[in-house]
N, C-alpha and C. Protein backbone atom coordinates (compact mmCIF):
# COMPACT_ATOMS: atom_id res chain seq x y z
N UNK A 1 1.21 -1.17 0.00
CA UNK A 1 0.16 0.07 -0.18
C UNK A 1 0.96 1.08 0.40
N UNK A 2 0.76 2.08 -1.03
CA UNK A 2 1.26 3.73 -0.96
C UNK A 2 0.97 4.31 -0.22
N UNK A 3 1.39 5.21 0.73
CA UNK A 3 1.05 6.22 1.58
C UNK A 3 1.37 7.61 0.59
N UNK A 4 0.48 8.19 0.01
CA UNK A 4 0.57 9.72 -0.58
C UNK A 4 0.52 10.82 0.36
N UNK A 5 0.86 10.59 1.71
CA UNK A 5 0.23 11.70 2.17
C UNK A 5 1.78 12.97 2.02
N UNK A 6 1.37 14.15 2.12
CA UNK A 6 2.45 15.44 1.82
C UNK A 6 2.05 16.07 3.23
N UNK A 7 2.96 16.57 3.09
CA UNK A 7 2.90 17.50 4.62
C UNK A 7 3.32 19.05 4.20
N UNK A 8 2.74 19.84 4.52
CA UNK A 8 3.14 21.35 4.18
C UNK A 8 3.87 21.67 5.17
N UNK A 9 4.34 23.03 4.63
CA UNK A 9 5.56 23.94 5.62
C UNK A 9 4.85 24.23 6.88
N UNK A 10 3.50 24.49 7.19
CA UNK A 10 3.16 24.65 8.59
C UNK A 10 3.54 23.37 9.33
N UNK A 11 3.20 22.23 8.79
CA UNK A 11 3.40 20.58 9.64
C UNK A 11 4.48 20.43 9.75
N UNK A 12 5.21 20.75 8.95
CA UNK A 12 6.73 20.45 8.97
C UNK A 12 7.44 21.73 10.01
N UNK A 13 6.69 22.71 10.19
CA UNK A 13 7.85 23.84 10.83
C UNK A 13 7.06 23.45 12.08
N UNK A 14 5.93 23.36 12.33
CA UNK A 14 5.24 23.00 13.37
C UNK A 14 5.98 21.54 14.49
N UNK A 15 6.38 20.62 13.64
CA UNK A 15 7.04 19.46 13.94
C UNK A 15 8.73 19.74 14.44
N UNK A 16 9.04 20.67 13.58
CA UNK A 16 10.34 21.01 14.04
C UNK A 16 10.49 22.20 15.35
N UNK A 17 9.15 22.87 15.57
CA UNK A 17 9.39 23.78 16.85
C UNK A 17 9.13 22.99 17.90
N UNK A 18 8.39 22.09 18.04
CA UNK A 18 8.04 20.83 19.00
C UNK A 18 8.89 19.97 19.38
N UNK A 19 9.87 19.53 18.44
CA UNK A 19 11.08 18.92 18.39
C UNK A 19 12.54 20.03 18.98
N UNK A 20 12.29 20.73 18.98
CA UNK A 20 13.25 21.99 19.53
C UNK A 20 13.00 22.43 20.61
N UNK A 21 11.85 22.60 21.25
CA UNK A 21 11.35 22.94 22.77
C UNK A 21 11.46 21.66 23.37
N UNK A 22 11.40 20.14 23.02
CA UNK A 22 11.84 19.30 23.50
C UNK A 22 13.30 18.83 23.75
N UNK A 23 14.15 19.40 22.95
CA UNK A 23 15.74 19.42 23.00
C UNK A 23 15.91 20.41 24.04
N UNK A 24 15.28 21.70 24.05
CA UNK A 24 15.80 22.21 25.19
C UNK A 24 15.65 22.03 26.36
N UNK A 25 14.01 21.12 26.94
CA UNK A 25 13.83 20.83 28.01
C UNK A 25 14.65 19.86 28.18
N UNK A 26 15.47 18.66 27.37
CA UNK A 26 16.38 17.74 27.96
C UNK A 26 17.44 18.23 28.23
N UNK A 27 18.22 19.24 27.25
CA UNK A 27 19.40 19.94 27.62
C UNK A 27 19.34 20.36 28.87
N UNK A 28 18.37 21.09 29.34
CA UNK A 28 18.08 21.99 30.25
C UNK A 28 18.36 21.28 31.96
N UNK A 29 17.58 19.80 31.69
CA UNK A 29 17.51 18.65 32.33
C UNK A 29 18.98 18.51 32.86
N UNK A 30 19.62 17.74 31.86
CA UNK A 30 21.09 17.49 31.75
C UNK A 30 22.11 18.40 32.24
N UNK A 31 21.93 19.53 32.03
CA UNK A 31 23.04 21.08 32.51
C UNK A 31 22.68 21.11 33.82
N UNK A 32 21.25 21.15 34.29
CA UNK A 32 20.72 21.10 35.80
C UNK A 32 21.26 20.30 36.75
N UNK A 33 21.22 18.95 36.27
CA UNK A 33 21.74 17.72 37.17
C UNK A 33 23.30 17.27 36.56
N UNK A 34 24.08 17.86 36.10
CA UNK A 34 25.46 17.68 35.75
C UNK A 34 26.29 18.30 36.71
N UNK A 35 27.49 17.19 37.49
CA UNK A 35 28.40 17.64 38.24
C UNK A 35 29.71 17.81 38.02
N UNK A 36 29.81 17.70 36.60
CA UNK A 36 30.98 17.96 36.37
C UNK A 36 30.91 19.14 35.04
N UNK A 37 31.69 20.20 36.11
CA UNK A 37 31.86 21.71 35.02
C UNK A 37 31.89 21.70 33.72
N UNK A 38 32.88 20.81 33.00
CA UNK A 38 33.39 21.11 32.05
C UNK A 38 32.11 20.74 30.82
N UNK A 39 31.67 19.35 31.52
CA UNK A 39 30.28 18.76 31.00
C UNK A 39 29.35 19.93 30.44
N UNK A 40 29.37 20.22 32.03
CA UNK A 40 27.86 21.58 32.18
C UNK A 40 28.01 22.52 31.10
N UNK A 41 29.19 23.09 30.75
CA UNK A 41 29.37 23.90 29.97
C UNK A 41 29.13 23.61 28.58
N UNK A 42 29.65 22.58 28.48
CA UNK A 42 29.06 22.19 27.23
C UNK A 42 28.08 21.69 26.44
N UNK A 43 26.96 21.09 27.79
CA UNK A 43 25.59 21.13 27.76
C UNK A 43 24.86 22.83 27.78
N UNK A 44 25.46 23.58 28.15
CA UNK A 44 24.98 24.85 28.54
C UNK A 44 24.94 25.49 26.96
N UNK A 45 26.15 25.35 26.36
CA UNK A 45 26.23 25.76 24.93
C UNK A 45 25.54 24.87 23.76
N UNK A 46 25.04 23.74 24.01
CA UNK A 46 24.04 23.04 23.48
C UNK A 46 22.61 23.52 23.76
N UNK A 47 22.45 23.75 24.77
CA UNK A 47 21.21 24.49 25.02
C UNK A 47 20.99 25.73 24.25
N UNK A 48 22.08 26.66 24.55
CA UNK A 48 22.00 27.68 23.90
C UNK A 48 21.86 27.76 22.10
N UNK A 49 22.29 26.54 21.62
CA UNK A 49 22.12 26.27 20.09
C UNK A 49 20.68 26.27 19.70
N UNK A 50 20.41 25.63 20.82
CA UNK A 50 18.90 24.95 20.86
C UNK A 50 17.74 25.93 20.79
N UNK A 51 18.03 26.77 21.73
CA UNK A 51 17.05 28.11 21.85
C UNK A 51 17.33 28.89 20.74
N UNK A 52 18.55 28.95 19.97
CA UNK A 52 18.64 30.08 18.54
C UNK A 52 17.98 29.06 17.49
N UNK A 53 17.74 27.84 17.34
CA UNK A 53 17.40 27.11 16.46
C UNK A 53 15.50 27.30 16.61
N UNK A 54 15.38 27.11 18.11
CA UNK A 54 13.90 27.20 18.28
C UNK A 54 13.13 28.62 17.81
N UNK A 55 14.65 29.56 18.00
CA UNK A 55 13.88 30.78 17.60
C UNK A 55 13.77 31.09 16.16
N UNK A 56 14.80 30.58 15.60
CA UNK A 56 14.68 30.63 14.10
C UNK A 56 13.02 30.00 13.61
N UNK A 57 12.96 28.78 13.77
CA UNK A 57 12.02 28.20 13.38
C UNK A 57 10.79 28.93 14.20
N UNK A 58 10.67 29.80 15.21
CA UNK A 58 9.50 30.22 15.48
C UNK A 58 9.32 31.35 14.81
N UNK A 59 10.57 32.07 14.23
CA UNK A 59 10.07 33.42 13.30
C UNK A 59 9.82 32.84 12.32
N UNK A 60 10.40 31.96 11.64
CA UNK A 60 9.69 31.71 9.97
C UNK A 60 8.50 31.39 10.42
N UNK A 61 7.82 30.56 11.15
CA UNK A 61 6.53 30.21 11.24
C UNK A 61 5.44 31.87 11.42
N UNK A 62 6.31 32.59 12.51
CA UNK A 62 5.55 33.65 12.75
C UNK A 62 5.63 34.96 11.46
N UNK A 63 6.41 34.48 10.64
CA UNK A 63 6.56 35.51 9.54
C UNK A 63 5.54 34.84 8.47
N UNK A 64 5.51 33.92 8.26
CA UNK A 64 4.61 33.53 7.36
C UNK A 64 2.95 33.39 8.24
N UNK A 65 2.63 33.76 9.38
CA UNK A 65 1.36 33.81 9.69
C UNK A 65 0.85 32.45 10.23
N UNK A 66 1.69 31.33 10.37
CA UNK A 66 1.43 30.41 11.01
C UNK A 66 1.36 30.30 12.61
N UNK A 67 2.11 31.32 13.33
CA UNK A 67 2.30 31.01 14.58
C UNK A 67 2.15 32.56 15.08
N UNK A 68 0.81 33.31 15.22
CA UNK A 68 0.23 34.34 15.37
C UNK A 68 0.67 34.71 16.85
N UNK A 69 1.29 35.63 17.28
CA UNK A 69 1.40 36.33 18.71
C UNK A 69 0.76 37.80 19.17
N UNK A 70 -0.60 37.59 19.25
CA UNK A 70 -1.48 38.63 19.56
C UNK A 70 -1.16 39.75 20.20
N UNK A 71 -0.90 41.15 20.42
CA UNK A 71 -0.66 42.08 20.93
C UNK A 71 -1.39 42.18 22.67
N UNK A 72 -0.47 41.95 23.78
CA UNK A 72 -0.93 42.20 25.08
C UNK A 72 -1.66 43.53 25.33
N UNK A 73 -2.85 43.03 26.06
CA UNK A 73 -3.60 44.39 26.36
C UNK A 73 -3.21 44.88 27.35
N UNK A 74 -3.16 46.36 27.24
CA UNK A 74 -2.49 46.92 28.39
C UNK A 74 -2.90 46.97 29.78
N UNK A 75 -4.23 46.43 29.94
CA UNK A 75 -4.84 46.01 31.47
C UNK A 75 -4.13 44.83 31.77
N UNK A 76 -3.66 44.15 30.83
CA UNK A 76 -3.30 42.72 31.23
C UNK A 76 -1.81 43.06 31.90
N UNK A 77 -1.29 43.94 31.05
CA UNK A 77 0.41 44.00 31.30
C UNK A 77 0.41 44.59 32.75
N UNK A 78 -0.44 45.42 32.88
CA UNK A 78 -0.35 46.31 34.35
C UNK A 78 -0.86 45.23 36.03
N UNK A 79 -1.71 44.29 35.19
CA UNK A 79 -1.78 43.38 36.31
C UNK A 79 -0.71 42.49 36.34
N UNK A 80 -0.24 42.14 35.54
CA UNK A 80 1.09 41.35 35.60
C UNK A 80 2.03 42.28 36.38
N UNK A 81 2.51 43.16 35.77
CA UNK A 81 3.35 44.25 36.60
C UNK A 81 3.70 44.28 37.97
N UNK A 82 1.79 44.52 38.25
CA UNK A 82 1.39 44.40 39.67
C UNK A 82 1.62 43.34 40.54
N UNK A 83 1.26 42.17 39.83
CA UNK A 83 1.78 40.90 40.51
C UNK A 83 2.99 40.52 40.89
N UNK A 84 3.67 41.20 39.77
CA UNK A 84 5.27 40.65 40.04
C UNK A 84 6.00 41.49 41.02
N UNK A 85 5.31 42.53 40.83
CA UNK A 85 6.04 43.52 41.81
C UNK A 85 5.78 43.35 43.62
N UNK A 86 4.50 42.77 43.74
CA UNK A 86 4.04 42.56 45.07
C UNK A 86 4.31 41.20 45.58
N UNK A 87 4.98 40.54 44.46
CA UNK A 87 5.55 39.39 44.85
C UNK A 87 7.19 39.33 44.91
N UNK A 88 7.68 40.42 44.33
CA UNK A 88 8.81 40.90 44.90
C UNK A 88 9.05 41.64 46.07
N UNK A 89 8.19 42.12 46.99
CA UNK A 89 8.36 42.86 47.93
C UNK A 89 7.88 41.98 49.05
N UNK A 90 7.52 40.51 48.98
CA UNK A 90 7.10 39.39 49.73
C UNK A 90 8.48 38.65 49.87
């Protein structure tokens, strides 16, 4: 049986974005639990590279309208600011 399923740009980029998010989670966990400083530095470098790749994929999706990011309402921004300011003083 032949499978003629084709994936479009959105599906491919969505899969790539999810893969990068998972990679950053794994590198972060490994770096957090690493006892050897030199190995931790390598893991942190890899983590940074994965974050850069994730940002590139996100930007590609955002530029194509595949990952819209609506502007935050000013009232929500102010509420969040007040919440964090209150937590910082406690």
